[in-house]
Protein backbone atom coordinates (compact mmCIF):
# COMPACT_ATOMS: atom_id res chain seq x y z
CA MET A 1 30.45 70.56 24.96
CA THR A 2 29.05 70.71 28.42
CA GLN A 3 25.04 71.17 28.86
CA PRO A 4 24.78 74.58 29.05
CA GLU A 5 26.41 75.34 25.85
CA ASN A 6 24.67 72.57 24.24
CA GLU A 7 21.49 74.27 24.97
CA ALA A 8 22.61 77.54 23.63
CA ARG A 9 22.71 76.46 20.50
CA ARG A 10 19.42 74.52 19.57
CA PRO A 11 16.84 76.13 18.18
CA ALA A 12 13.83 77.92 20.78
CA ARG A 13 11.52 75.60 21.33
CA VAL A 14 7.51 76.08 19.87
CA TYR A 15 4.99 73.67 20.66
CA LEU A 16 1.56 73.16 21.44
CA THR A 17 0.31 72.85 25.20
CA LYS A 18 -3.27 72.31 24.38
CA LEU A 19 -4.94 71.17 21.61
CA SER A 20 -9.13 71.49 21.16
CA LEU A 21 -11.16 70.04 18.49
CA THR A 22 -15.02 70.20 17.67
CA ASP A 23 -16.25 68.04 15.00
CA PHE A 24 -13.50 67.61 13.22
CA ARG A 25 -13.14 64.35 11.03
CA ASN A 26 -14.46 62.03 13.88
CA TYR A 27 -14.10 63.76 16.97
CA ARG A 28 -17.20 65.30 18.25
CA ALA A 29 -14.84 66.98 20.60
CA LEU A 30 -11.62 66.87 22.23
CA SER A 31 -9.37 68.45 24.31
CA LEU A 32 -5.66 67.43 25.18
CA GLU A 33 -2.83 68.82 27.24
CA LEU A 34 -0.04 68.40 25.91
CA THR A 35 4.29 68.43 26.60
CA PRO A 36 6.55 70.14 24.68
CA GLY A 37 8.66 67.33 23.62
CA PRO A 38 7.80 64.01 21.43
CA ILE A 39 4.45 62.95 21.47
CA VAL A 40 3.22 58.93 20.64
CA LEU A 41 -0.25 58.55 19.21
CA THR A 42 -1.24 55.08 19.13
CA GLY A 43 -3.58 52.99 18.00
CA GLU A 44 -5.69 50.43 15.54
CA ASN A 45 -5.49 51.19 12.04
CA GLY A 46 -9.23 54.04 11.81
CA ALA A 47 -9.09 55.13 15.51
CA GLY A 48 -8.12 58.71 14.64
CA LYS A 49 -4.65 59.04 14.77
CA THR A 50 -4.26 60.55 11.18
CA ASN A 51 -6.58 62.89 11.88
CA LEU A 52 -5.07 64.67 14.97
CA LEU A 53 -2.08 65.55 12.91
CA GLU A 54 -4.32 66.97 9.90
CA ALA A 55 -6.38 68.89 13.12
CA VAL A 56 -2.22 70.56 13.98
CA SER A 57 -1.71 70.66 10.54
CA PHE A 58 -4.38 73.33 9.81
CA LEU A 59 -2.75 75.26 12.08
CA SER A 60 -0.59 75.83 8.90
CA PRO A 61 -1.40 78.18 5.40
CA GLY A 62 -3.28 75.43 2.85
CA ARG A 63 -5.41 72.74 2.53
CA GLY A 64 -3.58 70.28 5.76
CA LEU A 65 -1.44 67.22 4.92
CA ARG A 66 -4.94 65.22 3.45
CA ARG A 67 -5.60 68.42 1.22
CA ALA A 68 -9.05 67.30 1.95
CA THR A 69 -11.79 69.59 1.21
CA LEU A 70 -13.03 72.15 3.98
CA GLU A 71 -16.51 69.74 3.76
CA ASP A 72 -14.95 66.62 3.85
CA VAL A 73 -13.13 67.63 7.09
CA ALA A 74 -16.44 68.68 9.19
CA ARG A 75 -17.10 65.45 11.26
CA ALA A 76 -19.89 63.76 9.39
CA GLY A 77 -23.57 64.29 10.39
CA SER A 78 -22.24 67.96 11.25
CA ASP A 79 -23.85 71.20 9.71
CA ALA A 80 -21.88 73.42 12.16
CA GLY A 81 -18.68 73.27 10.58
CA PHE A 82 -15.45 72.12 12.43
CA ALA A 83 -13.28 74.07 14.40
CA VAL A 84 -9.22 73.26 15.91
CA HIS A 85 -7.84 75.37 18.34
CA ALA A 86 -4.70 75.54 20.24
CA GLN A 87 -2.71 77.11 22.72
CA VAL A 88 1.04 77.65 21.33
CA GLY A 89 4.40 78.22 24.05
CA GLY A 90 7.31 79.36 22.90
CA PRO A 91 10.41 82.04 23.21
CA PHE A 92 7.05 84.80 22.64
CA GLY A 93 4.63 83.55 25.65
CA GLU A 94 1.20 82.62 25.32
CA CYS A 95 -1.08 82.26 22.06
CA SER A 96 -3.89 81.30 21.21
CA ILE A 97 -4.88 80.43 17.10
CA GLY A 98 -8.10 78.60 16.13
CA THR A 99 -9.05 78.05 12.54
CA GLY A 100 -12.35 76.35 10.85
CA THR A 101 -15.39 76.50 9.77
CA ALA A 102 -17.62 76.45 12.65
CA GLY A 103 -20.35 79.56 12.12
CA ALA A 104 -18.90 80.00 8.03
CA VAL A 105 -21.83 78.26 6.79
CA THR A 106 -23.41 80.48 4.04
CA PRO A 107 -27.22 81.42 3.89
CA ALA A 108 -26.97 79.02 0.73
CA GLY A 109 -25.44 76.03 2.82
CA GLU A 110 -22.59 75.80 1.33
CA THR A 111 -19.50 75.82 3.83
CA ALA A 112 -17.19 79.19 3.33
CA ALA A 113 -13.16 79.23 3.23
CA ARG A 114 -12.64 78.72 6.84
CA ARG A 115 -11.24 81.72 9.22
CA VAL A 116 -8.44 82.38 11.72
CA ARG A 117 -7.99 84.02 14.81
CA ILE A 118 -5.18 84.40 16.73
CA ASN A 119 -4.99 85.88 20.11
CA GLY A 120 -9.12 86.66 19.24
CA GLU A 121 -8.75 88.32 16.62
CA THR A 122 -9.98 87.71 12.89
CA ILE A 123 -6.58 87.56 10.60
CA ARG A 124 -6.78 87.98 6.97
CA SER A 125 -4.91 85.43 5.49
CA ALA A 126 -3.84 82.37 6.25
CA ASP A 127 -0.19 83.10 6.37
CA ALA A 128 -0.41 84.69 9.48
CA MET A 129 0.09 82.14 11.43
CA LEU A 130 3.83 81.14 10.46
CA GLU A 131 4.85 84.40 12.66
CA TRP A 132 4.20 82.38 15.58
CA LEU A 133 4.49 78.59 14.80
CA ARG A 134 5.75 76.02 11.54
CA VAL A 135 4.51 73.17 10.42
CA ILE A 136 6.17 70.15 8.59
CA TRP A 137 4.77 66.82 8.03
CA VAL A 138 5.89 63.65 6.21
CA THR A 139 2.43 60.61 5.24
CA PRO A 140 2.49 57.53 3.42
CA ALA A 141 0.85 59.15 1.24
CA MET A 142 4.70 61.12 0.23
CA ASP A 143 5.84 57.51 -0.07
CA GLN A 144 4.91 58.20 -3.87
CA LEU A 145 6.95 61.55 -3.99
CA PHE A 146 9.68 60.72 -6.35
CA THR A 147 7.87 58.30 -8.38
CA GLY A 148 4.61 59.78 -9.00
CA PRO A 149 3.45 62.90 -11.10
CA ALA A 150 5.84 66.26 -11.03
CA ALA A 151 3.26 68.42 -9.32
CA ASP A 152 3.55 66.51 -6.10
CA ARG A 153 6.78 68.04 -6.29
CA ARG A 154 6.28 70.71 -6.84
CA ARG A 155 3.53 71.57 -3.98
CA PHE A 156 5.89 69.54 -1.51
CA LEU A 157 9.22 72.13 -3.11
CA ASP A 158 6.55 74.90 -2.10
CA ARG A 159 5.27 73.83 1.33
CA LEU A 160 9.35 73.90 2.36
CA VAL A 161 9.84 77.10 0.96
CA LEU A 162 6.87 78.33 3.07
CA ALA A 163 7.84 77.47 6.02
CA ILE A 164 10.53 79.89 5.81
CA ASP A 165 9.03 82.50 3.36
CA PRO A 166 5.54 83.28 4.24
CA ALA A 167 5.18 85.09 1.33
CA HIS A 168 5.50 82.48 -1.18
CA GLY A 169 2.29 81.13 -0.54
CA ARG A 170 0.47 84.72 -2.33
CA ARG A 171 2.64 84.76 -4.93
CA ALA A 172 1.81 81.65 -6.15
CA LEU A 173 -1.99 82.25 -6.13
CA ASP A 174 -1.37 85.37 -7.94
CA TYR A 175 0.76 83.56 -10.69
CA GLU A 176 -2.69 80.43 -10.59
CA LYS A 177 -4.83 84.28 -10.84
CA ALA A 178 -2.80 84.85 -13.37
CA MET A 179 -2.67 81.92 -15.59
CA ARG A 180 -6.38 81.11 -14.90
CA ALA A 181 -7.21 84.07 -16.64
CA ARG A 182 -5.17 83.95 -19.98
CA ASN A 183 -6.27 80.40 -20.24
CA ARG A 184 -10.27 82.04 -20.17
CA LEU A 185 -8.64 84.29 -23.05
CA PHE A 186 -7.51 81.12 -24.86
CA ALA A 187 -11.08 79.06 -23.66
CA ASP A 188 -13.26 82.63 -25.05
CA ASP A 189 -10.84 83.28 -28.76
CA MET A 190 -9.77 85.92 -27.58
CA ARG A 191 -7.64 88.52 -29.08
CA ASP A 192 -7.11 91.42 -27.56
CA GLU A 193 -3.07 92.02 -27.26
CA ALA A 194 -3.41 94.70 -24.13
CA TRP A 195 -5.19 92.25 -22.28
CA PHE A 196 -2.74 89.66 -22.76
CA ALA A 197 0.13 91.30 -23.03
CA ALA A 198 -1.16 92.63 -19.50
CA ILE A 199 -1.86 89.61 -18.07
CA GLU A 200 1.71 87.83 -19.58
CA THR A 201 3.02 91.05 -17.40
CA GLN A 202 1.74 89.65 -14.03
CA MET A 203 2.57 86.02 -15.19
CA ALA A 204 6.11 87.16 -15.66
CA GLU A 205 6.42 89.02 -12.62
CA THR A 206 5.32 86.83 -10.57
CA GLY A 207 6.25 83.70 -11.91
CA VAL A 208 10.10 84.47 -11.67
CA ALA A 209 9.68 85.48 -8.07
CA ILE A 210 8.50 82.43 -7.32
CA ALA A 211 11.39 80.67 -8.96
CA ALA A 212 13.63 82.62 -7.45
CA ALA A 213 12.26 81.62 -3.61
CA ARG A 214 12.41 77.88 -5.05
CA HIS A 215 16.12 78.86 -6.21
CA GLU A 216 16.83 80.43 -2.72
CA MET A 217 14.99 77.39 -1.21
CA VAL A 218 17.29 74.69 -3.25
CA ARG A 219 20.31 76.44 -2.40
CA LEU A 220 20.10 77.21 1.84
CA LEU A 221 19.04 72.60 1.63
CA ALA A 222 21.94 72.10 -0.61
CA ALA A 223 23.83 73.78 2.15
CA MET A 224 22.49 72.39 5.18
CA ILE A 225 22.34 69.02 3.75
CA GLU A 226 25.93 69.32 2.89
CA ARG A 227 27.42 70.45 6.96
CA LEU A 228 25.36 67.37 7.74
CA PRO A 229 27.71 64.34 8.76
CA ALA A 230 29.37 61.96 5.84
CA GLU A 231 27.51 58.83 7.82
CA GLY A 232 24.10 59.33 9.65
CA PRO A 233 20.96 57.44 9.92
CA PHE A 234 19.27 59.19 6.49
CA PRO A 235 21.31 59.60 2.57
CA LYS A 236 21.60 62.83 1.97
CA ALA A 237 20.02 63.86 -1.35
CA ARG A 238 20.91 66.03 -3.93
CA ILE A 239 18.34 68.59 -4.98
CA ALA A 240 17.97 70.44 -8.30
CA LEU A 241 15.76 72.53 -10.39
CA ASP A 242 14.48 71.72 -13.76
CA GLY A 243 12.59 74.29 -16.21
CA THR A 244 12.79 77.25 -18.57
CA VAL A 245 12.81 80.07 -15.63
CA ASP A 246 14.66 77.97 -13.07
CA ALA A 247 17.55 77.25 -15.79
CA GLN A 248 18.43 81.04 -15.29
CA MET A 249 17.86 81.26 -11.58
CA GLY A 250 21.46 82.82 -10.23
CA SER A 251 23.19 83.57 -13.55
CA ARG A 252 21.03 86.46 -14.59
CA PRO A 253 19.09 89.53 -13.17
CA ALA A 254 15.72 88.85 -12.31
CA VAL A 255 14.25 91.93 -14.27
CA ASP A 256 16.27 90.40 -17.26
CA ILE A 257 14.64 86.78 -16.63
CA GLU A 258 11.66 88.85 -16.33
CA GLU A 259 11.42 90.10 -19.57
CA ASP A 260 12.49 86.39 -21.53
CA PHE A 261 9.75 85.41 -19.88
CA ARG A 262 7.13 87.81 -20.45
CA LEU A 263 8.53 87.79 -24.53
CA ARG A 264 7.97 84.20 -24.43
CA LEU A 265 4.70 83.79 -23.18
CA ALA A 266 3.53 86.23 -26.05
CA ALA A 267 5.64 84.17 -29.13
CA GLU A 268 3.96 80.94 -27.54
CA ARG A 269 0.19 81.97 -27.80
CA GLY A 270 -0.13 80.62 -30.82
CA ARG A 271 0.93 76.68 -29.33
CA ASP A 272 -0.38 77.58 -25.88
CA ARG A 273 -4.17 78.53 -27.24
CA ALA A 274 -4.06 74.80 -29.26
CA ALA A 275 -3.01 73.56 -25.45
CA GLY A 276 -5.37 75.46 -24.23
CA ARG A 277 -3.31 76.60 -21.25
CA ALA A 278 0.51 77.78 -20.76
CA LEU A 279 3.31 74.95 -21.58
CA GLU A 280 6.10 76.22 -20.28
CA GLY A 281 6.57 78.36 -16.57
CA PRO A 282 7.52 77.61 -12.61
CA HIS A 283 4.07 75.66 -13.00
CA ARG A 284 5.95 73.10 -15.54
CA THR A 285 9.33 73.13 -12.86
CA GLU A 286 10.54 69.22 -12.00
CA LEU A 287 11.90 68.61 -8.82
CA LEU A 288 15.50 66.44 -9.63
CA VAL A 289 16.36 64.32 -6.44
CA HIS A 290 19.08 62.01 -6.74
CA HIS A 291 20.28 59.76 -4.00
CA ALA A 292 23.47 60.82 -2.92
CA PRO A 293 25.52 58.54 -1.87
CA LYS A 294 24.45 55.98 -5.00
CA ASP A 295 24.58 58.39 -7.24
CA MET A 296 21.23 57.51 -8.89
CA PRO A 297 17.98 59.01 -8.85
CA ALA A 298 15.89 58.57 -5.98
CA ALA A 299 12.77 57.31 -8.61
CA SER A 300 14.97 54.76 -9.03
CA CYS A 301 15.61 53.44 -5.61
CA SER A 302 13.76 50.76 -3.69
CA THR A 303 10.71 51.45 -1.59
CA GLY A 304 12.60 51.65 2.05
CA GLU A 305 15.69 53.90 0.98
CA GLN A 306 13.16 56.75 -0.88
CA LYS A 307 11.67 56.59 2.42
CA ALA A 308 14.80 57.01 4.11
CA LEU A 309 15.66 59.77 1.33
CA LEU A 310 12.64 61.40 1.98
CA LEU A 311 12.95 62.04 6.24
CA GLY A 312 15.98 62.74 6.32
CA LEU A 313 15.17 65.76 3.31
CA VAL A 314 12.53 66.79 5.74
CA LEU A 315 15.11 66.75 8.72
CA ALA A 316 17.35 69.30 7.00
CA HIS A 317 14.33 71.72 5.83
CA ALA A 318 12.77 71.57 9.88
CA ARG A 319 17.03 72.20 10.43
CA LEU A 320 16.80 75.10 8.46
CA THR A 321 13.55 75.99 9.48
CA ALA A 322 15.28 76.13 12.87
CA GLU A 323 18.56 77.97 11.72
CA LEU A 324 16.79 80.83 9.98
CA SER A 325 13.73 81.22 11.98
CA GLY A 326 15.36 80.72 15.81
CA THR A 327 12.69 78.98 16.52
CA ALA A 328 11.62 74.79 16.02
CA PRO A 329 9.09 73.43 13.90
CA VAL A 330 6.58 71.36 14.81
CA LEU A 331 6.85 68.18 13.40
CA LEU A 332 4.34 65.30 12.38
CA LEU A 333 5.69 61.79 11.40
CA ASP A 334 2.68 59.98 10.49
CA GLU A 335 3.47 56.22 10.32
CA ILE A 336 6.77 57.07 10.31
CA ALA A 337 8.55 53.88 12.69
CA ALA A 338 6.88 51.00 10.75
CA HIS A 339 9.14 50.94 7.92
CA PHE A 340 12.74 51.52 9.46
CA ASP A 341 14.94 49.50 11.64
CA ALA A 342 15.43 49.74 15.18
CA GLU A 343 19.49 51.56 14.12
CA ARG A 344 16.89 53.88 12.41
CA ARG A 345 14.33 54.34 14.18
CA ALA A 346 17.08 55.18 17.25
CA GLY A 347 18.49 57.79 15.08
CA LEU A 348 15.48 59.75 13.88
CA PHE A 349 14.34 60.15 17.55
CA ASP A 350 17.96 61.00 18.39
CA ILE A 351 17.96 63.86 15.85
CA LEU A 352 14.17 64.86 17.06
CA GLU A 353 15.99 65.62 19.99
CA GLU A 354 18.73 67.51 18.89
CA LEU A 355 16.10 69.74 17.16
CA ASN A 356 14.78 70.53 20.08
CA CYS A 357 11.38 70.29 18.32
CA GLN A 358 7.60 69.00 19.69
CA ALA A 359 6.92 65.83 17.36
CA PHE A 360 3.05 63.91 16.78
CA MET A 361 4.61 60.72 15.58
CA THR A 362 1.97 57.90 15.24
CA GLY A 363 1.87 53.85 14.93
CA THR A 364 -0.11 50.99 15.50
CA GLU A 365 2.13 49.28 18.04
CA PRO A 366 3.85 51.23 20.79
CA GLN A 367 6.76 48.91 21.55
CA LEU A 368 7.90 50.45 17.62
CA PHE A 369 9.00 54.02 20.05
CA GLU A 370 10.08 51.98 23.57
CA SER A 371 14.08 53.63 23.11
CA LEU A 372 11.51 57.17 23.48
CA ARG A 373 9.45 55.89 26.80
CA SER A 374 11.43 58.72 29.12
CA ARG A 375 11.55 61.42 27.17
CA ALA A 376 8.02 61.38 25.54
CA SER A 377 4.22 61.18 25.74
CA PHE A 378 2.51 58.42 24.93
CA TRP A 379 -1.09 58.65 24.10
CA THR A 380 -3.63 55.70 23.28
CA VAL A 381 -6.20 56.74 20.39
CA SER A 382 -9.60 54.25 19.95
CA ALA A 383 -12.80 55.16 17.78
CA GLY A 384 -13.00 59.46 18.53
CA THR A 385 -11.32 58.91 22.34
CA VAL A 386 -7.31 59.91 22.96
CA ARG A 387 -6.56 59.00 27.09
CA PRO A 388 -2.60 58.51 28.13
CA THR A 389 -1.33 55.57 27.38
CA ASP A 390 -0.71 54.48 31.42
CA GLU A 391 -4.35 54.62 32.02
CA ASN A 392 -5.72 52.49 29.46
């Protein structure tokens, strides 16, 4: 394949050209001019490398890669909130995205919800940022994904869906709101049939929409994984969903599944009242992951195998996101190189180049990224300062 043909097949690159922080974590003020390709951030533990990745993760809906409260994100000692601002380049030209709580402190002194501005205009929903860039991450906290609570795997799955379906976040919020309203009826010992019927109808509609989006994501991702080479640096995953609603997806019309779920909720009010919550629904779905070459549940694999399996799954999703949106996602890979040998690191770097994405990677030793020397920009992070490595 010639170089022009190879370039034509790669997704268009979307990348940060500038990142500015104000009172974010340990950064009082920071402004970085960035290059499109891989970005390597090295420094001692606690220097602020992950804080930079977290700042970039706030350029997407949700609570960022740490799921921290907004109060915790603001720099200690600052009472003015925080701000993250980025200039984003891509096939659409230049775009300015800003988010944070700076200037959003309420009269009572409480931190308000973070605000989003795109090209100078205040946006009502953070989901609008997905129209400009998609941000995907892997962090050390995700090392326990396959052995930890099922809720962590559901959250992981929903972020995968959100990257290609911006409406998914609103569906999840609407379902949670309806479910909490039903739980309050139980807590208040309410018996009004009409109230329950209205709430359960909403839960059925939004719950089945959530299940359908997850089902489609698993189908598309499984197909993408199947297309990848059999022998690659990261093992293939086999994924599936396990849940009452999920089991019916793809085999029955959505309207029939909604009615079945609504009737089930009504029939199980007594049991749910005793528990104080709904015991069935998409909020109980389990994401099942297997190490395909070994035909082994991910939870039974070694720690190293789980790390490689997770990264392979995320990279397959990055490929899928690029294929469906036409633009490469921005990847945040925190402490990603330390757990892999040189061959697997080289394989990762080659995949990132193939994806044509801007990837932020952190590590304590720049030597772990030496094979990227001619393809990446290197920065040294130290106590709230960030400088090009060559200047140190």
